[in-house]
Amino acid sequence: MEIRLKRAYEAPAASDGTRILVDRLWPRGLKKADAAIDHWEKEVAPSDALRRWFGHDPAKWEEFRKRYRAELAGKAEAVADLRQRIGKGQATLVYGARDEAHNQAVVLKELLDERG
């Protein structure tokens, strides 16, 4: 299983494999046809409360990672479904955040890689 990360606003590529949106909300201004999303996994996205609290503030990053991992622990079935969807092939977790280093896709990839 190889997992990559990519912003939703970057052009899709054949090398992306299965493209999985991991945001709770659809990225603003992005047409669904342009996004080339194969699956939208809202269930593994951070809760609205956690997303609002974090606000993509890098100063809150470590605490966000802890809280989001705790949420994911309570969504074991959804995470297992995601892992199964990815299988042994190539997949790209797609996210809308501007910050490529501090977003939920980074945490989710870490978790999937650990249990890979």
N, C-alpha and C. Protein backbone atom coordinates (compact mmCIF):
# COMPACT_ATOMS: atom_id res chain seq x y z
N MET A 1 0.85 -1.17 0.00
CA MET A 1 0.00 0.00 0.00
C MET A 1 0.90 1.23 0.00
N GLU A 2 0.73 2.07 -1.00
CA GLU A 2 1.47 3.32 -1.07
C GLU A 2 0.46 4.46 -1.02
N ILE A 3 0.65 5.34 -0.06
CA ILE A 3 -0.27 6.45 0.14
C ILE A 3 0.47 7.76 -0.08
N ARG A 4 -0.12 8.60 -0.89
CA ARG A 4 0.42 9.94 -1.14
C ARG A 4 -0.59 10.96 -0.63
N LEU A 5 -0.13 12.19 -0.52
CA LEU A 5 -0.99 13.31 -0.12
C LEU A 5 -0.98 14.35 -1.23
N LYS A 6 -2.13 15.00 -1.42
CA LYS A 6 -2.20 16.01 -2.47
C LYS A 6 -3.33 16.99 -2.16
N ARG A 7 -3.06 18.26 -2.40
CA ARG A 7 -4.11 19.26 -2.24
C ARG A 7 -5.17 19.06 -3.32
N ALA A 8 -6.40 19.32 -2.96
CA ALA A 8 -7.51 19.16 -3.90
C ALA A 8 -7.38 20.09 -5.09
N TYR A 9 -6.67 21.19 -4.93
CA TYR A 9 -6.55 22.18 -5.99
C TYR A 9 -5.42 21.89 -6.96
N GLU A 10 -4.65 20.85 -6.68
CA GLU A 10 -3.61 20.42 -7.62
C GLU A 10 -4.26 19.52 -8.67
N ALA A 11 -3.76 19.57 -9.87
CA ALA A 11 -4.34 18.77 -10.96
C ALA A 11 -4.18 17.27 -10.68
N PRO A 12 -5.23 16.51 -10.93
CA PRO A 12 -5.13 15.05 -10.79
C PRO A 12 -4.11 14.50 -11.79
N ALA A 13 -3.49 13.38 -11.40
CA ALA A 13 -2.53 12.72 -12.28
C ALA A 13 -2.80 11.22 -12.26
N ALA A 14 -2.45 10.55 -13.32
CA ALA A 14 -2.65 9.10 -13.39
C ALA A 14 -1.88 8.40 -12.27
N SER A 15 -0.75 8.98 -11.85
CA SER A 15 0.06 8.37 -10.79
C SER A 15 -0.59 8.48 -9.41
N ASP A 16 -1.69 9.22 -9.30
CA ASP A 16 -2.37 9.37 -8.01
C ASP A 16 -3.02 8.06 -7.56
N GLY A 17 -3.35 7.20 -8.49
CA GLY A 17 -4.09 5.99 -8.13
C GLY A 17 -5.50 6.37 -7.69
N THR A 18 -6.00 5.70 -6.69
CA THR A 18 -7.33 6.01 -6.16
C THR A 18 -7.26 7.32 -5.39
N ARG A 19 -8.10 8.27 -5.77
CA ARG A 19 -8.11 9.59 -5.12
C ARG A 19 -9.24 9.62 -4.09
N ILE A 20 -8.86 9.86 -2.83
CA ILE A 20 -9.82 9.81 -1.73
C ILE A 20 -9.82 11.15 -1.00
N LEU A 21 -10.95 11.85 -1.05
CA LEU A 21 -11.09 13.11 -0.34
C LEU A 21 -11.33 12.81 1.14
N VAL A 22 -10.52 13.42 2.02
CA VAL A 22 -10.62 13.15 3.45
C VAL A 22 -11.01 14.41 4.23
N ASP A 23 -11.76 15.29 3.60
CA ASP A 23 -12.32 16.48 4.25
C ASP A 23 -13.79 16.25 4.53
N ARG A 24 -14.29 16.86 5.59
CA ARG A 24 -15.72 16.77 5.90
C ARG A 24 -16.52 17.65 4.94
N LEU A 25 -15.91 18.76 4.51
CA LEU A 25 -16.58 19.70 3.60
C LEU A 25 -15.91 19.64 2.23
N TRP A 26 -16.70 19.82 1.18
CA TRP A 26 -16.14 19.86 -0.17
C TRP A 26 -15.29 21.11 -0.29
N PRO A 27 -14.10 21.03 -0.90
CA PRO A 27 -13.21 22.19 -1.05
C PRO A 27 -13.88 23.32 -1.85
N ARG A 28 -13.79 24.51 -1.30
CA ARG A 28 -14.45 25.68 -1.92
C ARG A 28 -13.95 25.93 -3.33
N GLY A 29 -14.92 26.23 -4.21
CA GLY A 29 -14.59 26.63 -5.56
C GLY A 29 -14.11 25.53 -6.48
N LEU A 30 -14.10 24.30 -6.00
CA LEU A 30 -13.61 23.18 -6.80
C LEU A 30 -14.78 22.42 -7.40
N LYS A 31 -14.78 22.31 -8.70
CA LYS A 31 -15.84 21.55 -9.38
C LYS A 31 -15.57 20.06 -9.21
N LYS A 32 -16.63 19.31 -8.96
CA LYS A 32 -16.47 17.87 -8.75
C LYS A 32 -15.83 17.19 -9.95
N ALA A 33 -16.15 17.64 -11.14
CA ALA A 33 -15.57 17.03 -12.34
C ALA A 33 -14.06 17.29 -12.40
N ASP A 34 -13.62 18.45 -11.94
CA ASP A 34 -12.20 18.79 -11.97
C ASP A 34 -11.40 18.06 -10.89
N ALA A 35 -12.07 17.68 -9.82
CA ALA A 35 -11.38 17.07 -8.67
C ALA A 35 -11.01 15.61 -8.92
N ALA A 36 -11.75 14.92 -9.77
CA ALA A 36 -11.50 13.51 -10.08
C ALA A 36 -11.38 12.67 -8.81
N ILE A 37 -12.32 12.87 -7.89
CA ILE A 37 -12.33 12.13 -6.63
C ILE A 37 -13.04 10.79 -6.84
N ASP A 38 -12.37 9.72 -6.43
CA ASP A 38 -12.98 8.39 -6.54
C ASP A 38 -13.88 8.08 -5.35
N HIS A 39 -13.48 8.55 -4.17
CA HIS A 39 -14.25 8.30 -2.95
C HIS A 39 -14.14 9.52 -2.04
N TRP A 40 -15.23 9.82 -1.36
CA TRP A 40 -15.23 10.92 -0.39
C TRP A 40 -15.48 10.30 0.97
N GLU A 41 -14.46 10.25 1.80
CA GLU A 41 -14.52 9.59 3.10
C GLU A 41 -14.73 10.62 4.22
N LYS A 42 -15.95 11.14 4.33
CA LYS A 42 -16.28 12.13 5.36
C LYS A 42 -16.13 11.56 6.76
N GLU A 43 -16.38 10.26 6.89
CA GLU A 43 -16.37 9.63 8.22
C GLU A 43 -15.01 9.67 8.90
N VAL A 44 -13.93 9.73 8.13
CA VAL A 44 -12.60 9.76 8.73
C VAL A 44 -12.07 11.18 8.88
N ALA A 45 -12.84 12.16 8.49
CA ALA A 45 -12.44 13.56 8.63
C ALA A 45 -12.61 13.99 10.10
N PRO A 46 -11.87 15.00 10.52
CA PRO A 46 -12.05 15.50 11.89
C PRO A 46 -13.48 16.01 12.09
N SER A 47 -13.95 15.91 13.32
CA SER A 47 -15.29 16.42 13.64
C SER A 47 -15.31 17.93 13.39
N ASP A 48 -16.52 18.47 13.21
CA ASP A 48 -16.64 19.91 13.01
C ASP A 48 -16.04 20.68 14.18
N ALA A 49 -16.29 20.19 15.41
CA ALA A 49 -15.76 20.88 16.59
C ALA A 49 -14.23 20.90 16.58
N LEU A 50 -13.61 19.78 16.25
CA LEU A 50 -12.15 19.72 16.22
C LEU A 50 -11.60 20.58 15.09
N ARG A 51 -12.24 20.53 13.97
CA ARG A 51 -11.80 21.32 12.81
C ARG A 51 -11.84 22.80 13.13
N ARG A 52 -12.93 23.24 13.76
CA ARG A 52 -13.06 24.66 14.11
C ARG A 52 -12.03 25.06 15.17
N TRP A 53 -11.84 24.19 16.17
CA TRP A 53 -10.88 24.49 17.22
C TRP A 53 -9.47 24.66 16.64
N PHE A 54 -9.08 23.74 15.77
CA PHE A 54 -7.74 23.76 15.19
C PHE A 54 -7.53 24.98 14.31
N GLY A 55 -8.46 25.24 13.40
CA GLY A 55 -8.35 26.40 12.53
C GLY A 55 -7.06 26.47 11.75
N HIS A 56 -6.40 25.34 11.53
CA HIS A 56 -5.13 25.26 10.80
C HIS A 56 -4.06 26.14 11.42
N ASP A 57 -4.09 26.25 12.74
CA ASP A 57 -3.09 27.01 13.49
C ASP A 57 -1.92 26.09 13.83
N PRO A 58 -0.75 26.29 13.22
CA PRO A 58 0.39 25.41 13.49
C PRO A 58 0.77 25.31 14.97
N ALA A 59 0.45 26.34 15.75
CA ALA A 59 0.74 26.31 17.18
C ALA A 59 -0.09 25.25 17.90
N LYS A 60 -1.21 24.86 17.32
CA LYS A 60 -2.09 23.85 17.91
C LYS A 60 -1.86 22.46 17.30
N TRP A 61 -0.87 22.32 16.44
CA TRP A 61 -0.67 21.10 15.66
C TRP A 61 -0.55 19.84 16.52
N GLU A 62 0.34 19.84 17.49
CA GLU A 62 0.55 18.62 18.29
C GLU A 62 -0.71 18.21 19.03
N GLU A 63 -1.41 19.18 19.59
CA GLU A 63 -2.66 18.86 20.29
C GLU A 63 -3.72 18.39 19.29
N PHE A 64 -3.77 19.00 18.11
CA PHE A 64 -4.71 18.55 17.07
C PHE A 64 -4.43 17.09 16.72
N ARG A 65 -3.16 16.74 16.52
CA ARG A 65 -2.80 15.36 16.18
C ARG A 65 -3.32 14.40 17.25
N LYS A 66 -3.12 14.73 18.51
CA LYS A 66 -3.59 13.86 19.60
C LYS A 66 -5.11 13.72 19.58
N ARG A 67 -5.80 14.85 19.47
CA ARG A 67 -7.28 14.82 19.48
C ARG A 67 -7.83 14.09 18.25
N TYR A 68 -7.24 14.32 17.11
CA TYR A 68 -7.72 13.67 15.89
C TYR A 68 -7.48 12.17 15.94
N ARG A 69 -6.32 11.76 16.43
CA ARG A 69 -6.04 10.32 16.58
C ARG A 69 -7.04 9.69 17.55
N ALA A 70 -7.42 10.41 18.60
CA ALA A 70 -8.42 9.90 19.54
C ALA A 70 -9.76 9.74 18.83
N GLU A 71 -10.13 10.70 17.98
CA GLU A 71 -11.37 10.56 17.21
C GLU A 71 -11.29 9.35 16.28
N LEU A 72 -10.15 9.19 15.62
CA LEU A 72 -10.00 8.06 14.69
C LEU A 72 -10.06 6.72 15.42
N ALA A 73 -9.59 6.68 16.65
CA ALA A 73 -9.67 5.44 17.44
C ALA A 73 -11.12 5.05 17.66
N GLY A 74 -12.00 6.02 17.74
CA GLY A 74 -13.42 5.75 17.90
C GLY A 74 -14.13 5.46 16.59
N LYS A 75 -13.40 5.55 15.49
CA LYS A 75 -13.97 5.29 14.16
C LYS A 75 -13.23 4.14 13.49
N ALA A 76 -12.94 3.12 14.27
CA ALA A 76 -12.12 2.00 13.78
C ALA A 76 -12.71 1.36 12.53
N GLU A 77 -14.02 1.24 12.47
CA GLU A 77 -14.65 0.62 11.30
C GLU A 77 -14.45 1.45 10.05
N ALA A 78 -14.61 2.77 10.17
CA ALA A 78 -14.41 3.66 9.02
C ALA A 78 -12.95 3.64 8.56
N VAL A 79 -12.02 3.59 9.51
CA VAL A 79 -10.59 3.53 9.16
C VAL A 79 -10.29 2.19 8.47
N ALA A 80 -10.87 1.12 8.98
CA ALA A 80 -10.67 -0.20 8.36
C ALA A 80 -11.25 -0.22 6.95
N ASP A 81 -12.41 0.41 6.77
CA ASP A 81 -13.01 0.48 5.43
C ASP A 81 -12.09 1.25 4.48
N LEU A 82 -11.51 2.34 4.98
CA LEU A 82 -10.59 3.12 4.17
C LEU A 82 -9.37 2.30 3.79
N ARG A 83 -8.82 1.61 4.76
CA ARG A 83 -7.65 0.76 4.50
C ARG A 83 -7.98 -0.30 3.44
N GLN A 84 -9.15 -0.88 3.55
CA GLN A 84 -9.57 -1.90 2.58
C GLN A 84 -9.74 -1.28 1.20
N ARG A 85 -10.29 -0.07 1.17
CA ARG A 85 -10.50 0.62 -0.12
C ARG A 85 -9.16 0.88 -0.80
N ILE A 86 -8.16 1.22 0.00
CA ILE A 86 -6.83 1.47 -0.56
C ILE A 86 -6.19 0.16 -1.01
N GLY A 87 -6.38 -0.88 -0.20
CA GLY A 87 -5.82 -2.18 -0.54
C GLY A 87 -4.31 -2.15 -0.64
N LYS A 88 -3.79 -2.82 -1.63
CA LYS A 88 -2.33 -2.88 -1.81
C LYS A 88 -1.86 -1.96 -2.92
N GLY A 89 -2.76 -1.18 -3.44
CA GLY A 89 -2.40 -0.33 -4.57
C GLY A 89 -1.97 1.06 -4.17
N GLN A 90 -1.96 1.93 -5.15
CA GLN A 90 -1.59 3.33 -4.98
C GLN A 90 -2.84 4.12 -4.64
N ALA A 91 -2.75 5.00 -3.64
CA ALA A 91 -3.87 5.88 -3.28
C ALA A 91 -3.32 7.24 -2.91
N THR A 92 -4.14 8.25 -3.13
CA THR A 92 -3.79 9.62 -2.75
C THR A 92 -4.89 10.17 -1.86
N LEU A 93 -4.50 10.59 -0.66
CA LEU A 93 -5.44 11.26 0.23
C LEU A 93 -5.47 12.72 -0.17
N VAL A 94 -6.64 13.19 -0.53
CA VAL A 94 -6.82 14.54 -1.05
C VAL A 94 -7.45 15.41 0.04
N TYR A 95 -6.93 16.62 0.20
CA TYR A 95 -7.39 17.54 1.24
C TYR A 95 -7.44 18.95 0.67
N GLY A 96 -8.19 19.82 1.31
CA GLY A 96 -8.34 21.18 0.82
C GLY A 96 -7.45 22.21 1.49
N ALA A 97 -6.87 21.90 2.62
CA ALA A 97 -6.08 22.87 3.39
C ALA A 97 -4.90 23.42 2.60
N ARG A 98 -4.56 24.67 2.88
CA ARG A 98 -3.40 25.29 2.23
C ARG A 98 -2.09 24.77 2.81
N ASP A 99 -2.10 24.53 4.10
CA ASP A 99 -0.89 24.10 4.81
C ASP A 99 -0.65 22.61 4.55
N GLU A 100 0.38 22.30 3.80
CA GLU A 100 0.64 20.92 3.42
C GLU A 100 1.23 20.08 4.54
N ALA A 101 1.73 20.73 5.58
CA ALA A 101 2.37 20.00 6.68
C ALA A 101 1.47 19.83 7.90
N HIS A 102 0.43 20.67 8.01
CA HIS A 102 -0.42 20.67 9.20
C HIS A 102 -1.89 20.51 8.79
N ASN A 103 -2.28 19.28 8.46
CA ASN A 103 -3.67 19.02 8.10
C ASN A 103 -4.02 17.57 8.43
N GLN A 104 -5.29 17.24 8.39
CA GLN A 104 -5.74 15.92 8.81
C GLN A 104 -5.21 14.79 7.93
N ALA A 105 -4.95 15.06 6.67
CA ALA A 105 -4.44 14.01 5.78
C ALA A 105 -3.07 13.52 6.24
N VAL A 106 -2.26 14.43 6.78
CA VAL A 106 -0.94 14.06 7.29
C VAL A 106 -1.08 13.07 8.44
N VAL A 107 -1.99 13.36 9.36
CA VAL A 107 -2.22 12.50 10.52
C VAL A 107 -2.80 11.16 10.09
N LEU A 108 -3.76 11.20 9.19
CA LEU A 108 -4.40 9.98 8.71
C LEU A 108 -3.39 9.09 7.99
N LYS A 109 -2.54 9.68 7.17
CA LYS A 109 -1.50 8.89 6.49
C LYS A 109 -0.55 8.25 7.50
N GLU A 110 -0.14 9.01 8.51
CA GLU A 110 0.72 8.45 9.57
C GLU A 110 0.06 7.21 10.18
N LEU A 111 -1.21 7.34 10.51
CA LEU A 111 -1.93 6.24 11.14
C LEU A 111 -2.01 5.03 10.22
N LEU A 112 -2.35 5.25 8.97
CA LEU A 112 -2.46 4.14 8.01
C LEU A 112 -1.10 3.49 7.76
N ASP A 113 -0.05 4.31 7.69
CA ASP A 113 1.30 3.76 7.49
C ASP A 113 1.74 2.90 8.69
N GLU A 114 1.40 3.36 9.90
CA GLU A 114 1.76 2.61 11.11
C GLU A 114 1.13 1.23 11.14
N ARG A 115 -0.10 1.17 10.68
CA ARG A 115 -0.85 -0.08 10.73
C ARG A 115 -0.85 -0.81 9.40
N GLY A 116 -0.08 -0.26 8.44
CA GLY A 116 -0.05 -0.74 7.07
C GLY A 116 0.29 -2.16 6.90
